[in-house]
PDB file of N, CA and C in Angstrom:
ATOM      1  N   UNK A   1     266.955 126.888 167.008  1.00  0.00           N
ATOM      2  CA  UNK A   1     267.026 125.532 167.507  1.00  0.00           C
ATOM      3  C   UNK A   1     268.463 125.039 167.400  1.00  0.00           C
ATOM      4  N   UNK A   2     268.802 124.176 168.297  1.00  0.00           N
ATOM      5  CA  UNK A   2     270.119 123.558 168.282  1.00  0.00           C
ATOM      6  C   UNK A   2     269.994 122.128 167.780  1.00  0.00           C
ATOM      7  N   UNK A   3     271.096 121.535 167.308  1.00  0.00           N
ATOM      8  CA  UNK A   3     271.039 120.144 166.860  1.00  0.00           C
ATOM      9  C   UNK A   3     270.458 119.245 167.950  1.00  0.00           C
ATOM     10  N   UNK A   4     269.539 118.388 167.556  1.00  0.00           N
ATOM     11  CA  UNK A   4     268.912 117.471 168.500  1.00  0.00           C
ATOM     12  C   UNK A   4     267.678 118.020 169.179  1.00  0.00           C
ATOM     13  N   UNK A   5     267.436 119.320 169.055  1.00  0.00           N
ATOM     14  CA  UNK A   5     266.237 119.921 169.649  1.00  0.00           C
ATOM     15  C   UNK A   5     264.997 119.506 168.869  1.00  0.00           C
ATOM     16  N   UNK A   6     263.890 119.522 169.545  1.00  0.00           N
ATOM     17  CA  UNK A   6     262.607 119.291 168.879  1.00  0.00           C
ATOM     18  C   UNK A   6     261.708 120.485 169.139  1.00  0.00           C
ATOM     19  N   UNK A   7     260.782 120.688 168.239  1.00  0.00           N
ATOM     20  CA  UNK A   7     259.833 121.790 168.373  1.00  0.00           C
ATOM     21  C   UNK A   7     258.520 121.380 167.731  1.00  0.00           C
ATOM     22  N   UNK A   8     257.470 122.037 168.132  1.00  0.00           N
ATOM     23  CA  UNK A   8     256.155 121.784 167.550  1.00  0.00           C
ATOM     24  C   UNK A   8     255.895 122.858 166.503  1.00  0.00           C
ATOM     25  N   UNK A   9     255.501 122.419 165.326  1.00  0.00           N
ATOM     26  CA  UNK A   9     255.157 123.357 164.251  1.00  0.00           C
ATOM     27  C   UNK A   9     253.652 123.282 164.022  1.00  0.00           C
ATOM     28  N   UNK A  10     253.029 124.432 163.901  1.00  0.00           N
ATOM     29  CA  UNK A  10     251.595 124.482 163.637  1.00  0.00           C
ATOM     30  C   UNK A  10     251.388 125.067 162.252  1.00  0.00           C
ATOM     31  N   UNK A  11     250.438 124.505 161.529  1.00  0.00           N
ATOM     32  CA  UNK A  11     250.137 124.954 160.185  1.00  0.00           C
ATOM     33  C   UNK A  11     248.667 125.314 160.085  1.00  0.00           C
ATOM     34  N   UNK A  12     248.390 126.313 159.284  1.00  0.00           N
ATOM     35  CA  UNK A  12     247.007 126.669 158.979  1.00  0.00           C
ATOM     36  C   UNK A  12     246.737 126.141 157.574  1.00  0.00           C
ATOM     37  N   UNK A  13     245.727 125.308 157.459  1.00  0.00           N
ATOM     38  CA  UNK A  13     245.391 124.695 156.177  1.00  0.00           C
ATOM     39  C   UNK A  13     244.011 125.168 155.768  1.00  0.00           C
ATOM     40  N   UNK A  14     243.914 125.691 154.566  1.00  0.00           N
ATOM     41  CA  UNK A  14     242.617 126.110 154.049  1.00  0.00           C
ATOM     42  C   UNK A  14     242.013 124.953 153.263  1.00  0.00           C
ATOM     43  N   UNK A  15     240.765 124.665 153.569  1.00  0.00           N
ATOM     44  CA  UNK A  15     240.057 123.568 152.925  1.00  0.00           C
ATOM     45  C   UNK A  15     239.043 124.154 151.956  1.00  0.00           C
ATOM     46  N   UNK A  16     238.972 123.583 150.778  1.00  0.00           N
ATOM     47  CA  UNK A  16     238.004 124.029 149.782  1.00  0.00           C
ATOM     48  C   UNK A  16     236.603 123.947 150.366  1.00  0.00           C
ATOM     49  N   UNK A  17     235.786 124.959 150.101  1.00  0.00           N
ATOM     50  CA  UNK A  17     234.438 125.003 150.683  1.00  0.00           C
ATOM     51  C   UNK A  17     233.566 123.844 150.226  1.00  0.00           C
ATOM     52  N   UNK A  18     233.905 123.217 149.111  1.00  0.00           N
ATOM     53  CA  UNK A  18     233.115 122.096 148.601  1.00  0.00           C
ATOM     54  C   UNK A  18     233.656 120.741 149.040  1.00  0.00           C
ATOM     55  N   UNK A  19     234.701 120.734 149.854  1.00  0.00           N
ATOM     56  CA  UNK A  19     235.294 119.470 150.298  1.00  0.00           C
ATOM     57  C   UNK A  19     234.328 118.731 151.209  1.00  0.00           C
ATOM     58  N   UNK A  20     234.284 117.439 151.073  1.00  0.00           N
ATOM     59  CA  UNK A  20     233.438 116.624 151.936  1.00  0.00           C
ATOM     60  C   UNK A  20     234.148 116.302 153.237  1.00  0.00           C
ATOM     61  N   UNK A  21     233.395 115.723 154.156  1.00  0.00           N
ATOM     62  CA  UNK A  21     233.981 115.314 155.434  1.00  0.00           C
ATOM     63  C   UNK A  21     234.821 114.069 155.233  1.00  0.00           C
ATOM     64  N   UNK A  22     235.803 113.888 156.101  1.00  0.00           N
ATOM     65  CA  UNK A  22     236.595 112.670 156.063  1.00  0.00           C
ATOM     66  C   UNK A  22     238.062 112.931 156.324  1.00  0.00           C
ATOM     67  N   UNK A  23     238.836 111.858 156.244  1.00  0.00           N
ATOM     68  CA  UNK A  23     240.284 111.926 156.427  1.00  0.00           C
ATOM     69  C   UNK A  23     240.929 112.007 155.045  1.00  0.00           C
ATOM     70  N   UNK A  24     241.869 112.929 154.890  1.00  0.00           N
ATOM     71  CA  UNK A  24     242.529 113.118 153.609  1.00  0.00           C
ATOM     72  C   UNK A  24     244.040 113.115 153.805  1.00  0.00           C
ATOM     73  N   UNK A  25     244.781 112.465 152.869  1.00  0.00           N
ATOM     74  CA  UNK A  25     246.236 112.478 152.980  1.00  0.00           C
ATOM     75  C   UNK A  25     246.795 113.841 152.603  1.00  0.00           C
ATOM     76  N   UNK A  26     247.859 114.230 153.286  1.00  0.00           N
ATOM     77  CA  UNK A  26     248.532 115.495 153.008  1.00  0.00           C
ATOM     78  C   UNK A  26     250.031 115.215 152.939  1.00  0.00           C
ATOM     79  N   UNK A  27     250.651 115.691 151.862  1.00  0.00           N
ATOM     80  CA  UNK A  27     252.102 115.555 151.719  1.00  0.00           C
ATOM     81  C   UNK A  27     252.742 116.852 152.203  1.00  0.00           C
ATOM     82  N   UNK A  28     253.722 116.722 153.087  1.00  0.00           N
ATOM     83  CA  UNK A  28     254.399 117.893 153.647  1.00  0.00           C
ATOM     84  C   UNK A  28     255.889 117.789 153.351  1.00  0.00           C
ATOM     85  N   UNK A  29     256.448 118.890 152.874  1.00  0.00           N
ATOM     86  CA  UNK A  29     257.883 118.971 152.647  1.00  0.00           C
ATOM     87  C   UNK A  29     258.336 120.327 153.169  1.00  0.00           C
ATOM     88  N   UNK A  30     259.286 120.324 154.062  1.00  0.00           N
ATOM     89  CA  UNK A  30     259.740 121.564 154.688  1.00  0.00           C
ATOM     90  C   UNK A  30     261.019 122.078 154.038  1.00  0.00           C
ATOM     91  N   UNK A  31     261.074 123.389 153.867  1.00  0.00           N
ATOM     92  CA  UNK A  31     262.296 124.048 153.429  1.00  0.00           C
ATOM     93  C   UNK A  31     262.774 124.915 154.586  1.00  0.00           C
ATOM     94  N   UNK A  32     264.058 124.862 154.866  1.00  0.00           N
ATOM     95  CA  UNK A  32     264.588 125.643 155.980  1.00  0.00           C
ATOM     96  C   UNK A  32     266.035 126.025 155.702  1.00  0.00           C
ATOM     97  N   UNK A  33     266.502 127.016 156.426  1.00  0.00           N
ATOM     98  CA  UNK A  33     267.899 127.454 156.330  1.00  0.00           C
ATOM     99  C   UNK A  33     268.637 127.016 157.600  1.00  0.00           C
ATOM    100  N   UNK A  34     269.855 126.546 157.400  1.00  0.00           N
ATOM    101  CA  UNK A  34     270.660 126.169 158.559  1.00  0.00           C
ATOM    102  C   UNK A  34     271.373 127.403 159.116  1.00  0.00           C
ATOM    103  N   UNK A  35     272.186 127.200 160.152  1.00  0.00           N
ATOM    104  CA  UNK A  35     272.833 128.333 160.821  1.00  0.00           C
ATOM    105  C   UNK A  35     273.821 129.071 159.915  1.00  0.00           C
ATOM    106  N   UNK A  36     274.279 128.423 158.837  1.00  0.00           N
ATOM    107  CA  UNK A  36     275.171 129.096 157.888  1.00  0.00           C
ATOM    108  C   UNK A  36     274.391 129.752 156.739  1.00  0.00           C
ATOM    109  N   UNK A  37     273.069 129.622 156.754  1.00  0.00           N
ATOM    110  CA  UNK A  37     272.247 130.242 155.725  1.00  0.00           C
ATOM    111  C   UNK A  37     271.973 129.365 154.517  1.00  0.00           C
ATOM    112  N   UNK A  38     272.409 128.103 154.549  1.00  0.00           N
ATOM    113  CA  UNK A  38     272.166 127.202 153.426  1.00  0.00           C
ATOM    114  C   UNK A  38     270.737 126.666 153.480  1.00  0.00           C
ATOM    115  N   UNK A  39     270.112 126.590 152.314  1.00  0.00           N
ATOM    116  CA  UNK A  39     268.734 126.101 152.211  1.00  0.00           C
ATOM    117  C   UNK A  39     268.743 124.577 152.141  1.00  0.00           C
ATOM    118  N   UNK A  40     267.836 123.968 152.897  1.00  0.00           N
ATOM    119  CA  UNK A  40     267.666 122.515 152.895  1.00  0.00           C
ATOM    120  C   UNK A  40     266.190 122.199 152.680  1.00  0.00           C
ATOM    121  N   UNK A  41     265.935 121.010 152.132  1.00  0.00           N
ATOM    122  CA  UNK A  41     264.568 120.540 151.946  1.00  0.00           C
ATOM    123  C   UNK A  41     264.451 119.184 152.625  1.00  0.00           C
ATOM    124  N   UNK A  42     263.429 119.015 153.435  1.00  0.00           N
ATOM    125  CA  UNK A  42     263.237 117.756 154.158  1.00  0.00           C
ATOM    126  C   UNK A  42     262.706 116.682 153.220  1.00  0.00           C
ATOM    127  N   UNK A  43     262.773 115.455 153.689  1.00  0.00           N
ATOM    128  CA  UNK A  43     262.098 114.376 152.976  1.00  0.00           C
ATOM    129  C   UNK A  43     260.602 114.639 153.052  1.00  0.00           C
ATOM    130  N   UNK A  44     259.878 114.079 152.114  1.00  0.00           N
ATOM    131  CA  UNK A  44     258.427 114.256 152.109  1.00  0.00           C
ATOM    132  C   UNK A  44     257.803 113.431 153.233  1.00  0.00           C
ATOM    133  N   UNK A  45     256.917 114.062 153.961  1.00  0.00           N
ATOM    134  CA  UNK A  45     256.197 113.394 155.044  1.00  0.00           C
ATOM    135  C   UNK A  45     254.737 113.312 154.617  1.00  0.00           C
ATOM    136  N   UNK A  46     254.143 112.138 154.753  1.00  0.00           N
ATOM    137  CA  UNK A  46     252.727 111.992 154.434  1.00  0.00           C
ATOM    138  C   UNK A  46     251.973 111.801 155.742  1.00  0.00           C
ATOM    139  N   UNK A  47     250.995 112.623 155.945  1.00  0.00           N
ATOM    140  CA  UNK A  47     250.148 112.532 157.134  1.00  0.00           C
ATOM    141  C   UNK A  47     248.708 112.692 156.679  1.00  0.00           C
ATOM    142  N   UNK A  48     247.794 112.740 157.597  1.00  0.00           N
ATOM    143  CA  UNK A  48     246.396 112.919 157.206  1.00  0.00           C
ATOM    144  C   UNK A  48     245.777 114.029 158.042  1.00  0.00           C
ATOM    145  N   UNK A  49     244.786 114.662 157.455  1.00  0.00           N
ATOM    146  CA  UNK A  49     244.022 115.679 158.165  1.00  0.00           C
ATOM    147  C   UNK A  49     242.557 115.293 158.104  1.00  0.00           C
ATOM    148  N   UNK A  50     241.848 115.645 159.161  1.00  0.00           N
ATOM    149  CA  UNK A  50     240.420 115.358 159.213  1.00  0.00           C
ATOM    150  C   UNK A  50     239.655 116.623 158.853  1.00  0.00           C
ATOM    151  N   UNK A  51     238.800 116.501 157.853  1.00  0.00           N
ATOM    152  CA  UNK A  51     237.933 117.607 157.471  1.00  0.00           C
ATOM    153  C   UNK A  51     236.584 117.346 158.123  1.00  0.00           C
ATOM    154  N   UNK A  52     236.150 118.310 158.929  1.00  0.00           N
ATOM    155  CA  UNK A  52     234.878 118.182 159.634  1.00  0.00           C
ATOM    156  C   UNK A  52     233.850 119.103 158.998  1.00  0.00           C
ATOM    157  N   UNK A  53     232.583 118.816 159.271  1.00  0.00           N
ATOM    158  CA  UNK A  53     231.518 119.675 158.780  1.00  0.00           C
ATOM    159  C   UNK A  53     231.651 121.042 159.436  1.00  0.00           C
ATOM    160  N   UNK A  54     231.508 122.080 158.630  1.00  0.00           N
ATOM    161  CA  UNK A  54     231.624 123.440 159.155  1.00  0.00           C
ATOM    162  C   UNK A  54     230.396 123.748 159.999  1.00  0.00           C
ATOM    163  N   UNK A  55     230.595 124.242 161.225  1.00  0.00           N
ATOM    164  CA  UNK A  55     229.442 124.558 162.069  1.00  0.00           C
ATOM    165  C   UNK A  55     228.631 125.708 161.478  1.00  0.00           C
ATOM    166  N   UNK A  56     227.315 125.638 161.659  1.00  0.00           N
ATOM    167  CA  UNK A  56     226.431 126.684 161.145  1.00  0.00           C
ATOM    168  C   UNK A  56     226.696 127.991 161.882  1.00  0.00           C
ATOM    169  N   UNK A  57     226.864 127.906 163.194  1.00  0.00           N
ATOM    170  CA  UNK A  57     227.114 129.103 163.999  1.00  0.00           C
ATOM    171  C   UNK A  57     228.564 129.066 164.474  1.00  0.00           C
ATOM    172  N   UNK A  58     229.374 129.920 163.884  1.00  0.00           N
ATOM    173  CA  UNK A  58     230.775 130.013 164.291  1.00  0.00           C
ATOM    174  C   UNK A  58     230.872 130.954 165.491  1.00  0.00           C
ATOM    175  N   UNK A  59     231.968 130.916 166.224  1.00  0.00           N
ATOM    176  CA  UNK A  59     232.113 131.839 167.361  1.00  0.00           C
ATOM    177  C   UNK A  59     231.963 133.304 166.957  1.00  0.00           C
ATOM    178  N   UNK A  60     232.429 133.658 165.776  1.00  0.00           N
ATOM    179  CA  UNK A  60     232.307 135.041 165.313  1.00  0.00           C
ATOM    180  C   UNK A  60     230.843 135.421 165.104  1.00  0.00           C
ATOM    181  N   UNK A  61     230.090 134.534 164.475  1.00  0.00           N
ATOM    182  CA  UNK A  61     228.663 134.805 164.252  1.00  0.00           C
ATOM    183  C   UNK A  61     227.926 134.850 165.584  1.00  0.00           C
ATOM    184  N   UNK A  62     228.251 133.930 166.492  1.00  0.00           N
ATOM    185  CA  UNK A  62     227.602 133.918 167.805  1.00  0.00           C
ATOM    186  C   UNK A  62     227.877 135.221 168.548  1.00  0.00           C
ATOM    187  N   UNK A  63     229.110 135.696 168.505  1.00  0.00           N
ATOM    188  CA  UNK A  63     229.449 136.962 169.158  1.00  0.00           C
ATOM    189  C   UNK A  63     228.698 138.132 168.553  1.00  0.00           C
ATOM    190  N   UNK A  64     228.592 138.149 167.225  1.00  0.00           N
ATOM    191  CA  UNK A  64     227.862 139.226 166.549  1.00  0.00           C
ATOM    192  C   UNK A  64     226.383 139.195 166.921  1.00  0.00           C
ATOM    193  N   UNK A  65     225.803 138.000 167.006  1.00  0.00           N
ATOM    194  CA  UNK A  65     224.392 137.886 167.393  1.00  0.00           C
ATOM    195  C   UNK A  65     224.169 138.375 168.820  1.00  0.00           C
ATOM    196  N   UNK A  66     225.060 138.026 169.722  1.00  0.00           N
ATOM    197  CA  UNK A  66     224.935 138.469 171.114  1.00  0.00           C
ATOM    198  C   UNK A  66     225.022 139.993 171.194  1.00  0.00           C
ATOM    199  N   UNK A  67     225.976 140.587 170.477  1.00  0.00           N
ATOM    200  CA  UNK A  67     226.093 142.045 170.465  1.00  0.00           C
ATOM    201  C   UNK A  67     224.851 142.702 169.878  1.00  0.00           C
ATOM    202  N   UNK A  68     224.283 142.096 168.835  1.00  0.00           N
ATOM    203  CA  UNK A  68     223.072 142.648 168.223  1.00  0.00           C
ATOM    204  C   UNK A  68     221.906 142.612 169.207  1.00  0.00           C
ATOM    205  N   UNK A  69     221.749 141.515 169.937  1.00  0.00           N
ATOM    206  CA  UNK A  69     220.668 141.401 170.924  1.00  0.00           C
ATOM    207  C   UNK A  69     220.856 142.444 172.026  1.00  0.00           C
ATOM    208  N   UNK A  70     222.080 142.606 172.503  1.00  0.00           N
ATOM    209  CA  UNK A  70     222.349 143.611 173.539  1.00  0.00           C
ATOM    210  C   UNK A  70     222.020 145.007 173.021  1.00  0.00           C
ATOM    211  N   UNK A  71     222.407 145.300 171.782  1.00  0.00           N
ATOM    212  CA  UNK A  71     222.120 146.614 171.193  1.00  0.00           C
ATOM    213  C   UNK A  71     220.616 146.850 171.083  1.00  0.00           C
ATOM    214  N   UNK A  72     219.863 145.825 170.714  1.00  0.00           N
ATOM    215  CA  UNK A  72     218.401 145.957 170.608  1.00  0.00           C
ATOM    216  C   UNK A  72     217.790 146.220 171.982  1.00  0.00           C
ATOM    217  N   UNK A  73     218.242 145.490 172.992  1.00  0.00           N
ATOM    218  CA  UNK A  73     217.722 145.684 174.354  1.00  0.00           C
ATOM    219  C   UNK A  73     218.002 147.108 174.831  1.00  0.00           C
ATOM    220  N   UNK A  74     219.217 147.584 174.617  1.00  0.00           N
ATOM    221  CA  UNK A  74     219.571 148.946 175.025  1.00  0.00           C
ATOM    222  C   UNK A  74     218.720 149.963 174.275  1.00  0.00           C
ATOM    223  N   UNK A  75     218.519 149.768 172.978  1.00  0.00           N
ATOM    224  CA  UNK A  75     217.721 150.701 172.177  1.00  0.00           C
ATOM    225  C   UNK A  75     216.271 150.732 172.644  1.00  0.00           C
ATOM    226  N   UNK A  76     215.697 149.565 172.958  1.00  0.00           N
ATOM    227  CA  UNK A  76     214.306 149.504 173.428  1.00  0.00           C
ATOM    228  C   UNK A  76     214.178 150.218 174.772  1.00  0.00           C
ATOM    229  N   UNK A  77     215.098 149.976 175.686  1.00  0.00           N
ATOM    230  CA  UNK A  77     215.045 150.644 176.997  1.00  0.00           C
ATOM    231  C   UNK A  77     215.183 152.159 176.848  1.00  0.00           C
ATOM    232  N   UNK A  78     216.085 152.584 175.985  1.00  0.00           N
ATOM    233  CA  UNK A  78     216.278 154.012 175.749  1.00  0.00           C
ATOM    234  C   UNK A  78     215.009 154.634 175.165  1.00  0.00           C
ATOM    235  N   UNK A  79     214.384 153.939 174.208  1.00  0.00           N
ATOM    236  CA  UNK A  79     213.159 154.453 173.585  1.00  0.00           C
ATOM    237  C   UNK A  79     212.029 154.544 174.611  1.00  0.00           C
ATOM    238  N   UNK A  80     211.895 153.543 175.468  1.00  0.00           N
ATOM    239  CA  UNK A  80     210.848 153.570 176.500  1.00  0.00           C
ATOM    240  C   UNK A  80     211.084 154.712 177.484  1.00  0.00           C
ATOM    241  N   UNK A  81     212.336 154.924 177.855  1.00  0.00           N
ATOM    242  CA  UNK A  81     212.669 155.993 178.795  1.00  0.00           C
ATOM    243  C   UNK A  81     212.348 157.360 178.182  1.00  0.00           C
ATOM    244  N   UNK A  82     212.681 157.561 176.924  1.00  0.00           N
ATOM    245  CA  UNK A  82     212.373 158.833 176.249  1.00  0.00           C
ATOM    246  C   UNK A  82     210.870 159.036 176.135  1.00  0.00           C
ATOM    247  N   UNK A  83     210.146 157.938 175.876  1.00  0.00           N
ATOM    248  CA  UNK A  83     208.693 158.030 175.734  1.00  0.00           C
ATOM    249  C   UNK A  83     208.065 158.450 177.061  1.00  0.00           C
ATOM    250  N   UNK A  84     208.552 157.883 178.177  1.00  0.00           N
ATOM    251  CA  UNK A  84     208.032 158.243 179.501  1.00  0.00           C
ATOM    252  C   UNK A  84     208.339 159.698 179.829  1.00  0.00           C
ATOM    253  N   UNK A  85     209.521 160.155 179.483  1.00  0.00           N
ATOM    254  CA  UNK A  85     209.911 161.536 179.770  1.00  0.00           C
ATOM    255  C   UNK A  85     209.119 162.532 178.928  1.00  0.00           C
ATOM    256  N   UNK A  86     208.659 162.122 177.756  1.00  0.00           N
ATOM    257  CA  UNK A  86     207.900 163.009 176.867  1.00  0.00           C
ATOM    258  C   UNK A  86     206.474 163.224 177.370  1.00  0.00           C
ATOM    259  N   UNK A  87     205.958 162.337 178.200  1.00  0.00           N
ATOM    260  CA  UNK A  87     204.574 162.450 178.695  1.00  0.00           C
ATOM    261  C   UNK A  87     204.429 163.491 179.732  1.00  0.00           C
TER     262      UNK A  87
END
């Protein structure tokens, strides 16, 4: 980045599994190196994050369930085909 430039920073925040829903304050302080390699620390920024209820079915679980159903359908069709061929 050059002086005066702006950029968007994204952070991944882990929330305790027992945390309740709601808005919570978060203190952020950035450490960075300038172009000469000197370390700097930003002023503290206070913002808030919203903690939402965790969905029962996450995209990963939904994908796994869909794959399992497809596998069962394929297995049943294969078993029926083998049974017909055995007669």
